[in-house]
Amino acid sequence: MFQGNHKHKIDRKGRLTIPVEFREELEAGAILSIGVDECFYIYPKDQWDEMAQSMASTTPSRSKIRRINRLVFGNAFSVNLDAQGRVVIPPSLRHHASIEDTAFSVGMNTHLEVWSEKAWLKELELLKQEAFDLFETREERS
């Protein structure tokens, strides 16, 4: 299970060090793919295979499904952790997520999201505000 968030320095070769507690889940390989938000995803190979199987069971004749497949699979990269637990982030994913020298990995249960520091802090503030609004609405009903 992937949970928590971690701040990372991206080295000059574009490598991200995977937190120690997640390395075992990724030792059989990982897939990096473009995120829907301003981030990218890191999936364990087995989780990716399950998702791909699920997506393959949908009818690819529909325009939206074909476009989603292009986005997801056309921007997916198979990677392995090096001896220091690092993965190389392809330039296209670094560009998509606006990652330069600092990033945050965010646990999403089955996978990680990787955000630029600026985008993550902005998203975190929005999440906090939404949570506050949800609690306020709930209290008004009581």
C-alpha atoms as a PDB file:
ATOM      1  CA  MET A   1       0.000   0.000   0.000  1.00  0.00           C
ATOM      2  CA  PHE A   2       1.256   3.453  -0.900  1.00  0.00           C
ATOM      3  CA  GLN A   3       0.495   6.146   1.639  1.00  0.00           C
ATOM      4  CA  GLY A   4       1.961   9.397   2.909  1.00  0.00           C
ATOM      5  CA  ASN A   5       3.932  11.972   0.988  1.00  0.00           C
ATOM      6  CA  HIS A   6       7.649  12.465   0.571  1.00  0.00           C
ATOM      7  CA  LYS A   7       9.723  15.367  -0.682  1.00  0.00           C
ATOM      8  CA  HIS A   8      12.497  14.498  -3.151  1.00  0.00           C
ATOM      9  CA  LYS A   9      15.406  16.162  -4.859  1.00  0.00           C
ATOM     10  CA  ILE A  10      15.626  15.274  -8.539  1.00  0.00           C
ATOM     11  CA  ASP A  11      19.235  14.840  -9.600  1.00  0.00           C
ATOM     12  CA  ARG A  12      20.745  16.308 -12.766  1.00  0.00           C
ATOM     13  CA  LYS A  13      20.071  13.034 -14.617  1.00  0.00           C
ATOM     14  CA  GLY A  14      16.350  13.299 -13.839  1.00  0.00           C
ATOM     15  CA  ARG A  15      16.310  10.508 -11.255  1.00  0.00           C
ATOM     16  CA  LEU A  16      13.887  10.224  -8.346  1.00  0.00           C
ATOM     17  CA  THR A  17      14.773   8.160  -5.283  1.00  0.00           C
ATOM     18  CA  ILE A  18      11.876   5.927  -4.290  1.00  0.00           C
ATOM     19  CA  PRO A  19      11.200   5.955  -0.519  1.00  0.00           C
ATOM     20  CA  VAL A  20      12.582   2.836   1.164  1.00  0.00           C
ATOM     21  CA  GLU A  21       9.166   1.632   2.344  1.00  0.00           C
ATOM     22  CA  PHE A  22       7.903   1.433  -1.273  1.00  0.00           C
ATOM     23  CA  ARG A  23      10.873  -0.240  -2.934  1.00  0.00           C
ATOM     24  CA  GLU A  24       9.794  -3.816  -2.274  1.00  0.00           C
ATOM     25  CA  GLU A  25       6.468  -3.200  -4.061  1.00  0.00           C
ATOM     26  CA  LEU A  26       8.360  -1.826  -7.069  1.00  0.00           C
ATOM     27  CA  GLU A  27      11.288  -4.256  -7.207  1.00  0.00           C
ATOM     28  CA  ALA A  28       9.624  -6.380  -9.918  1.00  0.00           C
ATOM     29  CA  GLY A  29       9.412  -3.274 -12.097  1.00  0.00           C
ATOM     30  CA  ALA A  30       7.324  -0.153 -12.342  1.00  0.00           C
ATOM     31  CA  ILE A  31       5.396   1.768 -14.945  1.00  0.00           C
ATOM     32  CA  LEU A  32       5.501   5.563 -15.071  1.00  0.00           C
ATOM     33  CA  SER A  33       2.575   7.180 -16.865  1.00  0.00           C
ATOM     34  CA  ILE A  34       1.090  10.611 -17.380  1.00  0.00           C
ATOM     35  CA  GLY A  35      -1.387  11.745 -14.756  1.00  0.00           C
ATOM     36  CA  VAL A  36      -4.763  13.316 -15.297  1.00  0.00           C
ATOM     37  CA  ASP A  37      -3.756  16.202 -13.046  1.00  0.00           C
ATOM     38  CA  GLU A  38      -0.428  18.024 -13.192  1.00  0.00           C
ATOM     39  CA  CYS A  39       1.474  14.934 -12.041  1.00  0.00           C
ATOM     40  CA  PHE A  40       2.563  11.506 -13.215  1.00  0.00           C
ATOM     41  CA  TYR A  41       1.893   8.067 -11.770  1.00  0.00           C
ATOM     42  CA  ILE A  42       4.181   5.258 -10.643  1.00  0.00           C
ATOM     43  CA  TYR A  43       2.468   1.860 -10.690  1.00  0.00           C
ATOM     44  CA  PRO A  44       3.910  -1.477  -9.588  1.00  0.00           C
ATOM     45  CA  LYS A  45       4.057  -3.689 -12.678  1.00  0.00           C
ATOM     46  CA  ASP A  46       1.364  -6.067 -11.376  1.00  0.00           C
ATOM     47  CA  GLN A  47      -1.055  -3.196 -10.607  1.00  0.00           C
ATOM     48  CA  TRP A  48      -0.421  -1.743 -14.069  1.00  0.00           C
ATOM     49  CA  ASP A  49      -1.104  -5.110 -15.685  1.00  0.00           C
ATOM     50  CA  GLU A  50      -4.437  -5.353 -13.824  1.00  0.00           C
ATOM     51  CA  MET A  51      -5.417  -1.853 -14.914  1.00  0.00           C
ATOM     52  CA  ALA A  52      -4.380  -2.539 -18.515  1.00  0.00           C
ATOM     53  CA  GLN A  53      -6.423  -5.761 -18.519  1.00  0.00           C
ATOM     54  CA  SER A  54      -9.438  -3.865 -17.225  1.00  0.00           C
ATOM     55  CA  MET A  55      -9.046  -1.178 -19.876  1.00  0.00           C
ATOM     56  CA  ALA A  56      -8.611  -3.815 -22.596  1.00  0.00           C
ATOM     57  CA  SER A  57     -12.006  -5.277 -21.723  1.00  0.00           C
ATOM     58  CA  THR A  58     -13.705  -2.052 -22.824  1.00  0.00           C
ATOM     59  CA  THR A  59     -14.656  -1.608 -26.471  1.00  0.00           C
ATOM     60  CA  PRO A  60     -11.888   0.386 -28.196  1.00  0.00           C
ATOM     61  CA  SER A  61     -14.192   1.443 -31.010  1.00  0.00           C
ATOM     62  CA  ARG A  62     -15.496   4.369 -29.039  1.00  0.00           C
ATOM     63  CA  SER A  63     -13.579   7.558 -29.693  1.00  0.00           C
ATOM     64  CA  LYS A  64     -13.191   8.465 -26.016  1.00  0.00           C
ATOM     65  CA  ILE A  65     -11.763   5.059 -25.106  1.00  0.00           C
ATOM     66  CA  ARG A  66      -9.238   5.257 -27.952  1.00  0.00           C
ATOM     67  CA  ARG A  67      -8.183   8.723 -26.827  1.00  0.00           C
ATOM     68  CA  ILE A  68      -7.804   7.628 -23.196  1.00  0.00           C
ATOM     69  CA  ASN A  69      -5.698   4.655 -24.330  1.00  0.00           C
ATOM     70  CA  ARG A  70      -3.476   6.986 -26.361  1.00  0.00           C
ATOM     71  CA  LEU A  71      -2.990   9.231 -23.365  1.00  0.00           C
ATOM     72  CA  VAL A  72      -2.380   6.476 -20.823  1.00  0.00           C
ATOM     73  CA  PHE A  73      -0.445   3.874 -22.812  1.00  0.00           C
ATOM     74  CA  GLY A  74       1.199   6.293 -25.243  1.00  0.00           C
ATOM     75  CA  ASN A  75       2.811   8.066 -22.279  1.00  0.00           C
ATOM     76  CA  ALA A  76       3.775   4.991 -20.242  1.00  0.00           C
ATOM     77  CA  PHE A  77       7.357   3.953 -19.564  1.00  0.00           C
ATOM     78  CA  SER A  78       8.620   0.720 -18.038  1.00  0.00           C
ATOM     79  CA  VAL A  79      11.404   1.305 -15.494  1.00  0.00           C
ATOM     80  CA  ASN A  80      13.432  -0.622 -12.947  1.00  0.00           C
ATOM     81  CA  LEU A  81      14.888   0.681  -9.728  1.00  0.00           C
ATOM     82  CA  ASP A  82      18.665   0.988  -9.764  1.00  0.00           C
ATOM     83  CA  ALA A  83      20.853  -0.235  -6.881  1.00  0.00           C
ATOM     84  CA  GLN A  84      20.149   3.003  -4.953  1.00  0.00           C
ATOM     85  CA  GLY A  85      16.361   2.703  -5.400  1.00  0.00           C
ATOM     86  CA  ARG A  86      16.123   5.418  -8.077  1.00  0.00           C
ATOM     87  CA  VAL A  87      14.128   5.626 -11.302  1.00  0.00           C
ATOM     88  CA  VAL A  88      14.815   7.870 -14.261  1.00  0.00           C
ATOM     89  CA  ILE A  89      11.857  10.134 -15.009  1.00  0.00           C
ATOM     90  CA  PRO A  90      11.450  10.535 -18.778  1.00  0.00           C
ATOM     91  CA  PRO A  91      11.686  14.181 -19.900  1.00  0.00           C
ATOM     92  CA  SER A  92       8.106  14.163 -21.229  1.00  0.00           C
ATOM     93  CA  LEU A  93       6.732  13.258 -17.782  1.00  0.00           C
ATOM     94  CA  ARG A  94       8.974  15.792 -16.032  1.00  0.00           C
ATOM     95  CA  HIS A  95       7.665  18.408 -18.465  1.00  0.00           C
ATOM     96  CA  HIS A  96       4.004  17.380 -17.982  1.00  0.00           C
ATOM     97  CA  ALA A  97       4.349  17.632 -14.199  1.00  0.00           C
ATOM     98  CA  SER A  98       6.536  20.785 -14.353  1.00  0.00           C
ATOM     99  CA  ILE A  99       9.190  19.022 -12.280  1.00  0.00           C
ATOM    100  CA  GLU A 100      12.617  20.597 -12.220  1.00  0.00           C
ATOM    101  CA  ASP A 101      14.662  19.882  -9.099  1.00  0.00           C
ATOM    102  CA  THR A 102      12.131  19.067  -6.357  1.00  0.00           C
ATOM    103  CA  ALA A 103       9.145  16.737  -6.344  1.00  0.00           C
ATOM    104  CA  PHE A 104       6.654  15.164  -3.954  1.00  0.00           C
ATOM    105  CA  SER A 105       5.551  11.539  -4.161  1.00  0.00           C
ATOM    106  CA  VAL A 106       2.035  11.050  -2.817  1.00  0.00           C
ATOM    107  CA  GLY A 107       0.625   7.667  -1.834  1.00  0.00           C
ATOM    108  CA  MET A 108      -2.628   6.755  -3.557  1.00  0.00           C
ATOM    109  CA  ASN A 109      -3.087   3.267  -2.095  1.00  0.00           C
ATOM    110  CA  THR A 110      -2.355   1.259  -5.289  1.00  0.00           C
ATOM    111  CA  HIS A 111       0.179   3.659  -6.827  1.00  0.00           C
ATOM    112  CA  LEU A 112       2.115   6.881  -6.317  1.00  0.00           C
ATOM    113  CA  GLU A 113       1.494  10.293  -7.803  1.00  0.00           C
ATOM    114  CA  VAL A 114       4.535  12.506  -8.370  1.00  0.00           C
ATOM    115  CA  TRP A 115       4.016  16.282  -8.345  1.00  0.00           C
ATOM    116  CA  SER A 116       6.242  19.319  -8.605  1.00  0.00           C
ATOM    117  CA  GLU A 117       6.622  21.005  -5.235  1.00  0.00           C
ATOM    118  CA  LYS A 118       4.698  24.081  -6.398  1.00  0.00           C
ATOM    119  CA  ALA A 119       1.781  22.075  -7.846  1.00  0.00           C
ATOM    120  CA  TRP A 120       1.595  19.754  -4.808  1.00  0.00           C
ATOM    121  CA  LEU A 121       1.505  22.599  -2.285  1.00  0.00           C
ATOM    122  CA  LYS A 122      -1.245  24.273  -4.311  1.00  0.00           C
ATOM    123  CA  GLU A 123      -3.208  20.994  -4.529  1.00  0.00           C
ATOM    124  CA  LEU A 124      -2.742  20.393  -0.806  1.00  0.00           C
ATOM    125  CA  GLU A 125      -4.166  23.823   0.017  1.00  0.00           C
ATOM    126  CA  LEU A 126      -7.177  23.135  -2.232  1.00  0.00           C
ATOM    127  CA  LEU A 127      -7.700  19.773  -0.535  1.00  0.00           C
ATOM    128  CA  LYS A 128      -7.575  21.376   2.900  1.00  0.00           C
ATOM    129  CA  GLN A 129     -10.112  23.996   1.850  1.00  0.00           C
ATOM    130  CA  GLU A 130     -12.435  21.390   0.367  1.00  0.00           C
ATOM    131  CA  ALA A 131     -12.182  19.278   3.522  1.00  0.00           C
ATOM    132  CA  PHE A 132     -13.045  22.309   5.645  1.00  0.00           C
ATOM    133  CA  ASP A 133     -16.053  23.078   3.416  1.00  0.00           C
ATOM    134  CA  LEU A 134     -17.254  19.474   3.628  1.00  0.00           C
ATOM    135  CA  PHE A 135     -17.074  19.497   7.421  1.00  0.00           C
ATOM    136  CA  GLU A 136     -18.818  22.865   7.576  1.00  0.00           C
ATOM    137  CA  THR A 137     -21.656  21.572   5.392  1.00  0.00           C
ATOM    138  CA  ARG A 138     -21.956  18.470   7.544  1.00  0.00           C
ATOM    139  CA  GLU A 139     -22.135  20.521  10.753  1.00  0.00           C
ATOM    140  CA  GLU A 140     -24.873  22.751   9.308  1.00  0.00           C
ATOM    141  CA  ARG A 141     -27.074  19.693   8.751  1.00  0.00           C
ATOM    142  CA  SER A 142     -26.701  18.472  12.349  1.00  0.00           C
END
